[in-house]
Amino acid sequence: LTLTGDMLGDERLLLVDNLEVQVQK
């Protein structure tokens, strides 16, 4: 699943390898 930087905003600064999240579709 791919999200753009615009979709994530500043939250992209919280992303580290193998971080488990919930993707909203």
PDBML (XML) file of the C-alpha atoms, coordinates in Angstrom:
<?xml version="1.0" encoding="UTF-8" ?>
<PDBx:datablock datablockName="MODEL"
   xmlns:PDBx="http://pdbml.pdb.org/schema/pdbx-v50.xsd"
   xmlns:xsi="http://www.w3.org/2001/XMLSchema-instance"
   xsi:schemaLocation="http://pdbml.pdb.org/schema/pdbx-v50.xsd pdbx-v50.xsd">
   <PDBx:atom_siteCategory>
      <PDBx:atom_site id="1">
         <PDBx:B_iso_or_equiv>0.00</PDBx:B_iso_or_equiv>
         <PDBx:Cartn_x>0.000</PDBx:Cartn_x>
         <PDBx:Cartn_y>0.000</PDBx:Cartn_y>
         <PDBx:Cartn_z>0.000</PDBx:Cartn_z>
         <PDBx:auth_asym_id>A</PDBx:auth_asym_id>
         <PDBx:auth_atom_id>CA</PDBx:auth_atom_id>
         <PDBx:auth_comp_id>LEU</PDBx:auth_comp_id>
         <PDBx:auth_seq_id>1</PDBx:auth_seq_id>
         <PDBx:group_PDB>ATOM</PDBx:group_PDB>
         <PDBx:label_alt_id xsi:nil="true" />
         <PDBx:label_asym_id>A</PDBx:label_asym_id>
         <PDBx:label_atom_id>CA</PDBx:label_atom_id>
         <PDBx:label_comp_id>LEU</PDBx:label_comp_id>
         <PDBx:label_entity_id>1</PDBx:label_entity_id>
         <PDBx:label_seq_id>1</PDBx:label_seq_id>
         <PDBx:occupancy>1.00</PDBx:occupancy>
         <PDBx:pdbx_PDB_model_num>1</PDBx:pdbx_PDB_model_num>
         <PDBx:type_symbol>C</PDBx:type_symbol>
      </PDBx:atom_site>
      <PDBx:atom_site id="2">
         <PDBx:B_iso_or_equiv>0.00</PDBx:B_iso_or_equiv>
         <PDBx:Cartn_x>1.446</PDBx:Cartn_x>
         <PDBx:Cartn_y>3.391</PDBx:Cartn_y>
         <PDBx:Cartn_z>-0.982</PDBx:Cartn_z>
         <PDBx:auth_asym_id>A</PDBx:auth_asym_id>
         <PDBx:auth_atom_id>CA</PDBx:auth_atom_id>
         <PDBx:auth_comp_id>THR</PDBx:auth_comp_id>
         <PDBx:auth_seq_id>2</PDBx:auth_seq_id>
         <PDBx:group_PDB>ATOM</PDBx:group_PDB>
         <PDBx:label_alt_id xsi:nil="true" />
         <PDBx:label_asym_id>A</PDBx:label_asym_id>
         <PDBx:label_atom_id>CA</PDBx:label_atom_id>
         <PDBx:label_comp_id>THR</PDBx:label_comp_id>
         <PDBx:label_entity_id>1</PDBx:label_entity_id>
         <PDBx:label_seq_id>2</PDBx:label_seq_id>
         <PDBx:occupancy>1.00</PDBx:occupancy>
         <PDBx:pdbx_PDB_model_num>1</PDBx:pdbx_PDB_model_num>
         <PDBx:type_symbol>C</PDBx:type_symbol>
      </PDBx:atom_site>
      <PDBx:atom_site id="3">
         <PDBx:B_iso_or_equiv>0.00</PDBx:B_iso_or_equiv>
         <PDBx:Cartn_x>0.628</PDBx:Cartn_x>
         <PDBx:Cartn_y>6.785</PDBx:Cartn_y>
         <PDBx:Cartn_z>0.534</PDBx:Cartn_z>
         <PDBx:auth_asym_id>A</PDBx:auth_asym_id>
         <PDBx:auth_atom_id>CA</PDBx:auth_atom_id>
         <PDBx:auth_comp_id>LEU</PDBx:auth_comp_id>
         <PDBx:auth_seq_id>3</PDBx:auth_seq_id>
         <PDBx:group_PDB>ATOM</PDBx:group_PDB>
         <PDBx:label_alt_id xsi:nil="true" />
         <PDBx:label_asym_id>A</PDBx:label_asym_id>
         <PDBx:label_atom_id>CA</PDBx:label_atom_id>
         <PDBx:label_comp_id>LEU</PDBx:label_comp_id>
         <PDBx:label_entity_id>1</PDBx:label_entity_id>
         <PDBx:label_seq_id>3</PDBx:label_seq_id>
         <PDBx:occupancy>1.00</PDBx:occupancy>
         <PDBx:pdbx_PDB_model_num>1</PDBx:pdbx_PDB_model_num>
         <PDBx:type_symbol>C</PDBx:type_symbol>
      </PDBx:atom_site>
      <PDBx:atom_site id="4">
         <PDBx:B_iso_or_equiv>0.00</PDBx:B_iso_or_equiv>
         <PDBx:Cartn_x>2.055</PDBx:Cartn_x>
         <PDBx:Cartn_y>10.111</PDBx:Cartn_y>
         <PDBx:Cartn_z>-0.660</PDBx:Cartn_z>
         <PDBx:auth_asym_id>A</PDBx:auth_asym_id>
         <PDBx:auth_atom_id>CA</PDBx:auth_atom_id>
         <PDBx:auth_comp_id>THR</PDBx:auth_comp_id>
         <PDBx:auth_seq_id>4</PDBx:auth_seq_id>
         <PDBx:group_PDB>ATOM</PDBx:group_PDB>
         <PDBx:label_alt_id xsi:nil="true" />
         <PDBx:label_asym_id>A</PDBx:label_asym_id>
         <PDBx:label_atom_id>CA</PDBx:label_atom_id>
         <PDBx:label_comp_id>THR</PDBx:label_comp_id>
         <PDBx:label_entity_id>1</PDBx:label_entity_id>
         <PDBx:label_seq_id>4</PDBx:label_seq_id>
         <PDBx:occupancy>1.00</PDBx:occupancy>
         <PDBx:pdbx_PDB_model_num>1</PDBx:pdbx_PDB_model_num>
         <PDBx:type_symbol>C</PDBx:type_symbol>
      </PDBx:atom_site>
      <PDBx:atom_site id="5">
         <PDBx:B_iso_or_equiv>0.00</PDBx:B_iso_or_equiv>
         <PDBx:Cartn_x>3.906</PDBx:Cartn_x>
         <PDBx:Cartn_y>12.600</PDBx:Cartn_y>
         <PDBx:Cartn_z>1.528</PDBx:Cartn_z>
         <PDBx:auth_asym_id>A</PDBx:auth_asym_id>
         <PDBx:auth_atom_id>CA</PDBx:auth_atom_id>
         <PDBx:auth_comp_id>GLY</PDBx:auth_comp_id>
         <PDBx:auth_seq_id>5</PDBx:auth_seq_id>
         <PDBx:group_PDB>ATOM</PDBx:group_PDB>
         <PDBx:label_alt_id xsi:nil="true" />
         <PDBx:label_asym_id>A</PDBx:label_asym_id>
         <PDBx:label_atom_id>CA</PDBx:label_atom_id>
         <PDBx:label_comp_id>GLY</PDBx:label_comp_id>
         <PDBx:label_entity_id>1</PDBx:label_entity_id>
         <PDBx:label_seq_id>5</PDBx:label_seq_id>
         <PDBx:occupancy>1.00</PDBx:occupancy>
         <PDBx:pdbx_PDB_model_num>1</PDBx:pdbx_PDB_model_num>
         <PDBx:type_symbol>C</PDBx:type_symbol>
      </PDBx:atom_site>
      <PDBx:atom_site id="6">
         <PDBx:B_iso_or_equiv>0.00</PDBx:B_iso_or_equiv>
         <PDBx:Cartn_x>0.905</PDBx:Cartn_x>
         <PDBx:Cartn_y>14.975</PDBx:Cartn_y>
         <PDBx:Cartn_z>1.230</PDBx:Cartn_z>
         <PDBx:auth_asym_id>A</PDBx:auth_asym_id>
         <PDBx:auth_atom_id>CA</PDBx:auth_atom_id>
         <PDBx:auth_comp_id>ASP</PDBx:auth_comp_id>
         <PDBx:auth_seq_id>6</PDBx:auth_seq_id>
         <PDBx:group_PDB>ATOM</PDBx:group_PDB>
         <PDBx:label_alt_id xsi:nil="true" />
         <PDBx:label_asym_id>A</PDBx:label_asym_id>
         <PDBx:label_atom_id>CA</PDBx:label_atom_id>
         <PDBx:label_comp_id>ASP</PDBx:label_comp_id>
         <PDBx:label_entity_id>1</PDBx:label_entity_id>
         <PDBx:label_seq_id>6</PDBx:label_seq_id>
         <PDBx:occupancy>1.00</PDBx:occupancy>
         <PDBx:pdbx_PDB_model_num>1</PDBx:pdbx_PDB_model_num>
         <PDBx:type_symbol>C</PDBx:type_symbol>
      </PDBx:atom_site>
      <PDBx:atom_site id="7">
         <PDBx:B_iso_or_equiv>0.00</PDBx:B_iso_or_equiv>
         <PDBx:Cartn_x>-1.384</PDBx:Cartn_x>
         <PDBx:Cartn_y>12.302</PDBx:Cartn_y>
         <PDBx:Cartn_z>2.711</PDBx:Cartn_z>
         <PDBx:auth_asym_id>A</PDBx:auth_asym_id>
         <PDBx:auth_atom_id>CA</PDBx:auth_atom_id>
         <PDBx:auth_comp_id>MET</PDBx:auth_comp_id>
         <PDBx:auth_seq_id>7</PDBx:auth_seq_id>
         <PDBx:group_PDB>ATOM</PDBx:group_PDB>
         <PDBx:label_alt_id xsi:nil="true" />
         <PDBx:label_asym_id>A</PDBx:label_asym_id>
         <PDBx:label_atom_id>CA</PDBx:label_atom_id>
         <PDBx:label_comp_id>MET</PDBx:label_comp_id>
         <PDBx:label_entity_id>1</PDBx:label_entity_id>
         <PDBx:label_seq_id>7</PDBx:label_seq_id>
         <PDBx:occupancy>1.00</PDBx:occupancy>
         <PDBx:pdbx_PDB_model_num>1</PDBx:pdbx_PDB_model_num>
         <PDBx:type_symbol>C</PDBx:type_symbol>
      </PDBx:atom_site>
      <PDBx:atom_site id="8">
         <PDBx:B_iso_or_equiv>0.00</PDBx:B_iso_or_equiv>
         <PDBx:Cartn_x>0.917</PDBx:Cartn_x>
         <PDBx:Cartn_y>11.827</PDBx:Cartn_y>
         <PDBx:Cartn_z>5.709</PDBx:Cartn_z>
         <PDBx:auth_asym_id>A</PDBx:auth_asym_id>
         <PDBx:auth_atom_id>CA</PDBx:auth_atom_id>
         <PDBx:auth_comp_id>LEU</PDBx:auth_comp_id>
         <PDBx:auth_seq_id>8</PDBx:auth_seq_id>
         <PDBx:group_PDB>ATOM</PDBx:group_PDB>
         <PDBx:label_alt_id xsi:nil="true" />
         <PDBx:label_asym_id>A</PDBx:label_asym_id>
         <PDBx:label_atom_id>CA</PDBx:label_atom_id>
         <PDBx:label_comp_id>LEU</PDBx:label_comp_id>
         <PDBx:label_entity_id>1</PDBx:label_entity_id>
         <PDBx:label_seq_id>8</PDBx:label_seq_id>
         <PDBx:occupancy>1.00</PDBx:occupancy>
         <PDBx:pdbx_PDB_model_num>1</PDBx:pdbx_PDB_model_num>
         <PDBx:type_symbol>C</PDBx:type_symbol>
      </PDBx:atom_site>
      <PDBx:atom_site id="9">
         <PDBx:B_iso_or_equiv>0.00</PDBx:B_iso_or_equiv>
         <PDBx:Cartn_x>2.029</PDBx:Cartn_x>
         <PDBx:Cartn_y>15.413</PDBx:Cartn_y>
         <PDBx:Cartn_z>6.379</PDBx:Cartn_z>
         <PDBx:auth_asym_id>A</PDBx:auth_asym_id>
         <PDBx:auth_atom_id>CA</PDBx:auth_atom_id>
         <PDBx:auth_comp_id>GLY</PDBx:auth_comp_id>
         <PDBx:auth_seq_id>9</PDBx:auth_seq_id>
         <PDBx:group_PDB>ATOM</PDBx:group_PDB>
         <PDBx:label_alt_id xsi:nil="true" />
         <PDBx:label_asym_id>A</PDBx:label_asym_id>
         <PDBx:label_atom_id>CA</PDBx:label_atom_id>
         <PDBx:label_comp_id>GLY</PDBx:label_comp_id>
         <PDBx:label_entity_id>1</PDBx:label_entity_id>
         <PDBx:label_seq_id>9</PDBx:label_seq_id>
         <PDBx:occupancy>1.00</PDBx:occupancy>
         <PDBx:pdbx_PDB_model_num>1</PDBx:pdbx_PDB_model_num>
         <PDBx:type_symbol>C</PDBx:type_symbol>
      </PDBx:atom_site>
      <PDBx:atom_site id="10">
         <PDBx:B_iso_or_equiv>0.00</PDBx:B_iso_or_equiv>
         <PDBx:Cartn_x>4.292</PDBx:Cartn_x>
         <PDBx:Cartn_y>15.746</PDBx:Cartn_y>
         <PDBx:Cartn_z>9.438</PDBx:Cartn_z>
         <PDBx:auth_asym_id>A</PDBx:auth_asym_id>
         <PDBx:auth_atom_id>CA</PDBx:auth_atom_id>
         <PDBx:auth_comp_id>ASP</PDBx:auth_comp_id>
         <PDBx:auth_seq_id>10</PDBx:auth_seq_id>
         <PDBx:group_PDB>ATOM</PDBx:group_PDB>
         <PDBx:label_alt_id xsi:nil="true" />
         <PDBx:label_asym_id>A</PDBx:label_asym_id>
         <PDBx:label_atom_id>CA</PDBx:label_atom_id>
         <PDBx:label_comp_id>ASP</PDBx:label_comp_id>
         <PDBx:label_entity_id>1</PDBx:label_entity_id>
         <PDBx:label_seq_id>10</PDBx:label_seq_id>
         <PDBx:occupancy>1.00</PDBx:occupancy>
         <PDBx:pdbx_PDB_model_num>1</PDBx:pdbx_PDB_model_num>
         <PDBx:type_symbol>C</PDBx:type_symbol>
      </PDBx:atom_site>
      <PDBx:atom_site id="11">
         <PDBx:B_iso_or_equiv>0.00</PDBx:B_iso_or_equiv>
         <PDBx:Cartn_x>3.370</PDBx:Cartn_x>
         <PDBx:Cartn_y>12.231</PDBx:Cartn_y>
         <PDBx:Cartn_z>10.565</PDBx:Cartn_z>
         <PDBx:auth_asym_id>A</PDBx:auth_asym_id>
         <PDBx:auth_atom_id>CA</PDBx:auth_atom_id>
         <PDBx:auth_comp_id>GLU</PDBx:auth_comp_id>
         <PDBx:auth_seq_id>11</PDBx:auth_seq_id>
         <PDBx:group_PDB>ATOM</PDBx:group_PDB>
         <PDBx:label_alt_id xsi:nil="true" />
         <PDBx:label_asym_id>A</PDBx:label_asym_id>
         <PDBx:label_atom_id>CA</PDBx:label_atom_id>
         <PDBx:label_comp_id>GLU</PDBx:label_comp_id>
         <PDBx:label_entity_id>1</PDBx:label_entity_id>
         <PDBx:label_seq_id>11</PDBx:label_seq_id>
         <PDBx:occupancy>1.00</PDBx:occupancy>
         <PDBx:pdbx_PDB_model_num>1</PDBx:pdbx_PDB_model_num>
         <PDBx:type_symbol>C</PDBx:type_symbol>
      </PDBx:atom_site>
      <PDBx:atom_site id="12">
         <PDBx:B_iso_or_equiv>0.00</PDBx:B_iso_or_equiv>
         <PDBx:Cartn_x>5.931</PDBx:Cartn_x>
         <PDBx:Cartn_y>10.888</PDBx:Cartn_y>
         <PDBx:Cartn_z>8.048</PDBx:Cartn_z>
         <PDBx:auth_asym_id>A</PDBx:auth_asym_id>
         <PDBx:auth_atom_id>CA</PDBx:auth_atom_id>
         <PDBx:auth_comp_id>ARG</PDBx:auth_comp_id>
         <PDBx:auth_seq_id>12</PDBx:auth_seq_id>
         <PDBx:group_PDB>ATOM</PDBx:group_PDB>
         <PDBx:label_alt_id xsi:nil="true" />
         <PDBx:label_asym_id>A</PDBx:label_asym_id>
         <PDBx:label_atom_id>CA</PDBx:label_atom_id>
         <PDBx:label_comp_id>ARG</PDBx:label_comp_id>
         <PDBx:label_entity_id>1</PDBx:label_entity_id>
         <PDBx:label_seq_id>12</PDBx:label_seq_id>
         <PDBx:occupancy>1.00</PDBx:occupancy>
         <PDBx:pdbx_PDB_model_num>1</PDBx:pdbx_PDB_model_num>
         <PDBx:type_symbol>C</PDBx:type_symbol>
      </PDBx:atom_site>
      <PDBx:atom_site id="13">
         <PDBx:B_iso_or_equiv>0.00</PDBx:B_iso_or_equiv>
         <PDBx:Cartn_x>8.623</PDBx:Cartn_x>
         <PDBx:Cartn_y>11.927</PDBx:Cartn_y>
         <PDBx:Cartn_z>10.570</PDBx:Cartn_z>
         <PDBx:auth_asym_id>A</PDBx:auth_asym_id>
         <PDBx:auth_atom_id>CA</PDBx:auth_atom_id>
         <PDBx:auth_comp_id>LEU</PDBx:auth_comp_id>
         <PDBx:auth_seq_id>13</PDBx:auth_seq_id>
         <PDBx:group_PDB>ATOM</PDBx:group_PDB>
         <PDBx:label_alt_id xsi:nil="true" />
         <PDBx:label_asym_id>A</PDBx:label_asym_id>
         <PDBx:label_atom_id>CA</PDBx:label_atom_id>
         <PDBx:label_comp_id>LEU</PDBx:label_comp_id>
         <PDBx:label_entity_id>1</PDBx:label_entity_id>
         <PDBx:label_seq_id>13</PDBx:label_seq_id>
         <PDBx:occupancy>1.00</PDBx:occupancy>
         <PDBx:pdbx_PDB_model_num>1</PDBx:pdbx_PDB_model_num>
         <PDBx:type_symbol>C</PDBx:type_symbol>
      </PDBx:atom_site>
      <PDBx:atom_site id="14">
         <PDBx:B_iso_or_equiv>0.00</PDBx:B_iso_or_equiv>
         <PDBx:Cartn_x>7.369</PDBx:Cartn_x>
         <PDBx:Cartn_y>9.170</PDBx:Cartn_y>
         <PDBx:Cartn_z>12.898</PDBx:Cartn_z>
         <PDBx:auth_asym_id>A</PDBx:auth_asym_id>
         <PDBx:auth_atom_id>CA</PDBx:auth_atom_id>
         <PDBx:auth_comp_id>LEU</PDBx:auth_comp_id>
         <PDBx:auth_seq_id>14</PDBx:auth_seq_id>
         <PDBx:group_PDB>ATOM</PDBx:group_PDB>
         <PDBx:label_alt_id xsi:nil="true" />
         <PDBx:label_asym_id>A</PDBx:label_asym_id>
         <PDBx:label_atom_id>CA</PDBx:label_atom_id>
         <PDBx:label_comp_id>LEU</PDBx:label_comp_id>
         <PDBx:label_entity_id>1</PDBx:label_entity_id>
         <PDBx:label_seq_id>14</PDBx:label_seq_id>
         <PDBx:occupancy>1.00</PDBx:occupancy>
         <PDBx:pdbx_PDB_model_num>1</PDBx:pdbx_PDB_model_num>
         <PDBx:type_symbol>C</PDBx:type_symbol>
      </PDBx:atom_site>
      <PDBx:atom_site id="15">
         <PDBx:B_iso_or_equiv>0.00</PDBx:B_iso_or_equiv>
         <PDBx:Cartn_x>7.981</PDBx:Cartn_x>
         <PDBx:Cartn_y>6.358</PDBx:Cartn_y>
         <PDBx:Cartn_z>10.391</PDBx:Cartn_z>
         <PDBx:auth_asym_id>A</PDBx:auth_asym_id>
         <PDBx:auth_atom_id>CA</PDBx:auth_atom_id>
         <PDBx:auth_comp_id>LEU</PDBx:auth_comp_id>
         <PDBx:auth_seq_id>15</PDBx:auth_seq_id>
         <PDBx:group_PDB>ATOM</PDBx:group_PDB>
         <PDBx:label_alt_id xsi:nil="true" />
         <PDBx:label_asym_id>A</PDBx:label_asym_id>
         <PDBx:label_atom_id>CA</PDBx:label_atom_id>
         <PDBx:label_comp_id>LEU</PDBx:label_comp_id>
         <PDBx:label_entity_id>1</PDBx:label_entity_id>
         <PDBx:label_seq_id>15</PDBx:label_seq_id>
         <PDBx:occupancy>1.00</PDBx:occupancy>
         <PDBx:pdbx_PDB_model_num>1</PDBx:pdbx_PDB_model_num>
         <PDBx:type_symbol>C</PDBx:type_symbol>
      </PDBx:atom_site>
      <PDBx:atom_site id="16">
         <PDBx:B_iso_or_equiv>0.00</PDBx:B_iso_or_equiv>
         <PDBx:Cartn_x>10.777</PDBx:Cartn_x>
         <PDBx:Cartn_y>3.882</PDBx:Cartn_y>
         <PDBx:Cartn_z>11.101</PDBx:Cartn_z>
         <PDBx:auth_asym_id>A</PDBx:auth_asym_id>
         <PDBx:auth_atom_id>CA</PDBx:auth_atom_id>
         <PDBx:auth_comp_id>VAL</PDBx:auth_comp_id>
         <PDBx:auth_seq_id>16</PDBx:auth_seq_id>
         <PDBx:group_PDB>ATOM</PDBx:group_PDB>
         <PDBx:label_alt_id xsi:nil="true" />
         <PDBx:label_asym_id>A</PDBx:label_asym_id>
         <PDBx:label_atom_id>CA</PDBx:label_atom_id>
         <PDBx:label_comp_id>VAL</PDBx:label_comp_id>
         <PDBx:label_entity_id>1</PDBx:label_entity_id>
         <PDBx:label_seq_id>16</PDBx:label_seq_id>
         <PDBx:occupancy>1.00</PDBx:occupancy>
         <PDBx:pdbx_PDB_model_num>1</PDBx:pdbx_PDB_model_num>
         <PDBx:type_symbol>C</PDBx:type_symbol>
      </PDBx:atom_site>
      <PDBx:atom_site id="17">
         <PDBx:B_iso_or_equiv>0.00</PDBx:B_iso_or_equiv>
         <PDBx:Cartn_x>11.446</PDBx:Cartn_x>
         <PDBx:Cartn_y>0.489</PDBx:Cartn_y>
         <PDBx:Cartn_z>9.500</PDBx:Cartn_z>
         <PDBx:auth_asym_id>A</PDBx:auth_asym_id>
         <PDBx:auth_atom_id>CA</PDBx:auth_atom_id>
         <PDBx:auth_comp_id>ASP</PDBx:auth_comp_id>
         <PDBx:auth_seq_id>17</PDBx:auth_seq_id>
         <PDBx:group_PDB>ATOM</PDBx:group_PDB>
         <PDBx:label_alt_id xsi:nil="true" />
         <PDBx:label_asym_id>A</PDBx:label_asym_id>
         <PDBx:label_atom_id>CA</PDBx:label_atom_id>
         <PDBx:label_comp_id>ASP</PDBx:label_comp_id>
         <PDBx:label_entity_id>1</PDBx:label_entity_id>
         <PDBx:label_seq_id>17</PDBx:label_seq_id>
         <PDBx:occupancy>1.00</PDBx:occupancy>
         <PDBx:pdbx_PDB_model_num>1</PDBx:pdbx_PDB_model_num>
         <PDBx:type_symbol>C</PDBx:type_symbol>
      </PDBx:atom_site>
      <PDBx:atom_site id="18">
         <PDBx:B_iso_or_equiv>0.00</PDBx:B_iso_or_equiv>
         <PDBx:Cartn_x>9.026</PDBx:Cartn_x>
         <PDBx:Cartn_y>-2.297</PDBx:Cartn_y>
         <PDBx:Cartn_z>10.478</PDBx:Cartn_z>
         <PDBx:auth_asym_id>A</PDBx:auth_asym_id>
         <PDBx:auth_atom_id>CA</PDBx:auth_atom_id>
         <PDBx:auth_comp_id>ASN</PDBx:auth_comp_id>
         <PDBx:auth_seq_id>18</PDBx:auth_seq_id>
         <PDBx:group_PDB>ATOM</PDBx:group_PDB>
         <PDBx:label_alt_id xsi:nil="true" />
         <PDBx:label_asym_id>A</PDBx:label_asym_id>
         <PDBx:label_atom_id>CA</PDBx:label_atom_id>
         <PDBx:label_comp_id>ASN</PDBx:label_comp_id>
         <PDBx:label_entity_id>1</PDBx:label_entity_id>
         <PDBx:label_seq_id>18</PDBx:label_seq_id>
         <PDBx:occupancy>1.00</PDBx:occupancy>
         <PDBx:pdbx_PDB_model_num>1</PDBx:pdbx_PDB_model_num>
         <PDBx:type_symbol>C</PDBx:type_symbol>
      </PDBx:atom_site>
      <PDBx:atom_site id="19">
         <PDBx:B_iso_or_equiv>0.00</PDBx:B_iso_or_equiv>
         <PDBx:Cartn_x>6.714</PDBx:Cartn_x>
         <PDBx:Cartn_y>0.043</PDBx:Cartn_y>
         <PDBx:Cartn_z>12.426</PDBx:Cartn_z>
         <PDBx:auth_asym_id>A</PDBx:auth_asym_id>
         <PDBx:auth_atom_id>CA</PDBx:auth_atom_id>
         <PDBx:auth_comp_id>LEU</PDBx:auth_comp_id>
         <PDBx:auth_seq_id>19</PDBx:auth_seq_id>
         <PDBx:group_PDB>ATOM</PDBx:group_PDB>
         <PDBx:label_alt_id xsi:nil="true" />
         <PDBx:label_asym_id>A</PDBx:label_asym_id>
         <PDBx:label_atom_id>CA</PDBx:label_atom_id>
         <PDBx:label_comp_id>LEU</PDBx:label_comp_id>
         <PDBx:label_entity_id>1</PDBx:label_entity_id>
         <PDBx:label_seq_id>19</PDBx:label_seq_id>
         <PDBx:occupancy>1.00</PDBx:occupancy>
         <PDBx:pdbx_PDB_model_num>1</PDBx:pdbx_PDB_model_num>
         <PDBx:type_symbol>C</PDBx:type_symbol>
      </PDBx:atom_site>
      <PDBx:atom_site id="20">
         <PDBx:B_iso_or_equiv>0.00</PDBx:B_iso_or_equiv>
         <PDBx:Cartn_x>3.262</PDBx:Cartn_x>
         <PDBx:Cartn_y>-1.553</PDBx:Cartn_y>
         <PDBx:Cartn_z>12.754</PDBx:Cartn_z>
         <PDBx:auth_asym_id>A</PDBx:auth_asym_id>
         <PDBx:auth_atom_id>CA</PDBx:auth_atom_id>
         <PDBx:auth_comp_id>GLU</PDBx:auth_comp_id>
         <PDBx:auth_seq_id>20</PDBx:auth_seq_id>
         <PDBx:group_PDB>ATOM</PDBx:group_PDB>
         <PDBx:label_alt_id xsi:nil="true" />
         <PDBx:label_asym_id>A</PDBx:label_asym_id>
         <PDBx:label_atom_id>CA</PDBx:label_atom_id>
         <PDBx:label_comp_id>GLU</PDBx:label_comp_id>
         <PDBx:label_entity_id>1</PDBx:label_entity_id>
         <PDBx:label_seq_id>20</PDBx:label_seq_id>
         <PDBx:occupancy>1.00</PDBx:occupancy>
         <PDBx:pdbx_PDB_model_num>1</PDBx:pdbx_PDB_model_num>
         <PDBx:type_symbol>C</PDBx:type_symbol>
      </PDBx:atom_site>
      <PDBx:atom_site id="21">
         <PDBx:B_iso_or_equiv>0.00</PDBx:B_iso_or_equiv>
         <PDBx:Cartn_x>0.398</PDBx:Cartn_x>
         <PDBx:Cartn_y>0.840</PDBx:Cartn_y>
         <PDBx:Cartn_z>11.962</PDBx:Cartn_z>
         <PDBx:auth_asym_id>A</PDBx:auth_asym_id>
         <PDBx:auth_atom_id>CA</PDBx:auth_atom_id>
         <PDBx:auth_comp_id>VAL</PDBx:auth_comp_id>
         <PDBx:auth_seq_id>21</PDBx:auth_seq_id>
         <PDBx:group_PDB>ATOM</PDBx:group_PDB>
         <PDBx:label_alt_id xsi:nil="true" />
         <PDBx:label_asym_id>A</PDBx:label_asym_id>
         <PDBx:label_atom_id>CA</PDBx:label_atom_id>
         <PDBx:label_comp_id>VAL</PDBx:label_comp_id>
         <PDBx:label_entity_id>1</PDBx:label_entity_id>
         <PDBx:label_seq_id>21</PDBx:label_seq_id>
         <PDBx:occupancy>1.00</PDBx:occupancy>
         <PDBx:pdbx_PDB_model_num>1</PDBx:pdbx_PDB_model_num>
         <PDBx:type_symbol>C</PDBx:type_symbol>
      </PDBx:atom_site>
      <PDBx:atom_site id="22">
         <PDBx:B_iso_or_equiv>0.00</PDBx:B_iso_or_equiv>
         <PDBx:Cartn_x>-3.226</PDBx:Cartn_x>
         <PDBx:Cartn_y>0.759</PDBx:Cartn_y>
         <PDBx:Cartn_z>10.813</PDBx:Cartn_z>
         <PDBx:auth_asym_id>A</PDBx:auth_asym_id>
         <PDBx:auth_atom_id>CA</PDBx:auth_atom_id>
         <PDBx:auth_comp_id>GLN</PDBx:auth_comp_id>
         <PDBx:auth_seq_id>22</PDBx:auth_seq_id>
         <PDBx:group_PDB>ATOM</PDBx:group_PDB>
         <PDBx:label_alt_id xsi:nil="true" />
         <PDBx:label_asym_id>A</PDBx:label_asym_id>
         <PDBx:label_atom_id>CA</PDBx:label_atom_id>
         <PDBx:label_comp_id>GLN</PDBx:label_comp_id>
         <PDBx:label_entity_id>1</PDBx:label_entity_id>
         <PDBx:label_seq_id>22</PDBx:label_seq_id>
         <PDBx:occupancy>1.00</PDBx:occupancy>
         <PDBx:pdbx_PDB_model_num>1</PDBx:pdbx_PDB_model_num>
         <PDBx:type_symbol>C</PDBx:type_symbol>
      </PDBx:atom_site>
      <PDBx:atom_site id="23">
         <PDBx:B_iso_or_equiv>0.00</PDBx:B_iso_or_equiv>
         <PDBx:Cartn_x>-3.752</PDBx:Cartn_x>
         <PDBx:Cartn_y>1.910</PDBx:Cartn_y>
         <PDBx:Cartn_z>7.210</PDBx:Cartn_z>
         <PDBx:auth_asym_id>A</PDBx:auth_asym_id>
         <PDBx:auth_atom_id>CA</PDBx:auth_atom_id>
         <PDBx:auth_comp_id>VAL</PDBx:auth_comp_id>
         <PDBx:auth_seq_id>23</PDBx:auth_seq_id>
         <PDBx:group_PDB>ATOM</PDBx:group_PDB>
         <PDBx:label_alt_id xsi:nil="true" />
         <PDBx:label_asym_id>A</PDBx:label_asym_id>
         <PDBx:label_atom_id>CA</PDBx:label_atom_id>
         <PDBx:label_comp_id>VAL</PDBx:label_comp_id>
         <PDBx:label_entity_id>1</PDBx:label_entity_id>
         <PDBx:label_seq_id>23</PDBx:label_seq_id>
         <PDBx:occupancy>1.00</PDBx:occupancy>
         <PDBx:pdbx_PDB_model_num>1</PDBx:pdbx_PDB_model_num>
         <PDBx:type_symbol>C</PDBx:type_symbol>
      </PDBx:atom_site>
      <PDBx:atom_site id="24">
         <PDBx:B_iso_or_equiv>0.00</PDBx:B_iso_or_equiv>
         <PDBx:Cartn_x>-7.125</PDBx:Cartn_x>
         <PDBx:Cartn_y>3.510</PDBx:Cartn_y>
         <PDBx:Cartn_z>6.637</PDBx:Cartn_z>
         <PDBx:auth_asym_id>A</PDBx:auth_asym_id>
         <PDBx:auth_atom_id>CA</PDBx:auth_atom_id>
         <PDBx:auth_comp_id>GLN</PDBx:auth_comp_id>
         <PDBx:auth_seq_id>24</PDBx:auth_seq_id>
         <PDBx:group_PDB>ATOM</PDBx:group_PDB>
         <PDBx:label_alt_id xsi:nil="true" />
         <PDBx:label_asym_id>A</PDBx:label_asym_id>
         <PDBx:label_atom_id>CA</PDBx:label_atom_id>
         <PDBx:label_comp_id>GLN</PDBx:label_comp_id>
         <PDBx:label_entity_id>1</PDBx:label_entity_id>
         <PDBx:label_seq_id>24</PDBx:label_seq_id>
         <PDBx:occupancy>1.00</PDBx:occupancy>
         <PDBx:pdbx_PDB_model_num>1</PDBx:pdbx_PDB_model_num>
         <PDBx:type_symbol>C</PDBx:type_symbol>
      </PDBx:atom_site>
      <PDBx:atom_site id="25">
         <PDBx:B_iso_or_equiv>0.00</PDBx:B_iso_or_equiv>
         <PDBx:Cartn_x>-8.770</PDBx:Cartn_x>
         <PDBx:Cartn_y>2.703</PDBx:Cartn_y>
         <PDBx:Cartn_z>3.307</PDBx:Cartn_z>
         <PDBx:auth_asym_id>A</PDBx:auth_asym_id>
         <PDBx:auth_atom_id>CA</PDBx:auth_atom_id>
         <PDBx:auth_comp_id>LYS</PDBx:auth_comp_id>
         <PDBx:auth_seq_id>25</PDBx:auth_seq_id>
         <PDBx:group_PDB>ATOM</PDBx:group_PDB>
         <PDBx:label_alt_id xsi:nil="true" />
         <PDBx:label_asym_id>A</PDBx:label_asym_id>
         <PDBx:label_atom_id>CA</PDBx:label_atom_id>
         <PDBx:label_comp_id>LYS</PDBx:label_comp_id>
         <PDBx:label_entity_id>1</PDBx:label_entity_id>
         <PDBx:label_seq_id>25</PDBx:label_seq_id>
         <PDBx:occupancy>1.00</PDBx:occupancy>
         <PDBx:pdbx_PDB_model_num>1</PDBx:pdbx_PDB_model_num>
         <PDBx:type_symbol>C</PDBx:type_symbol>
      </PDBx:atom_site>
   </PDBx:atom_siteCategory>
</PDBx:datablock>
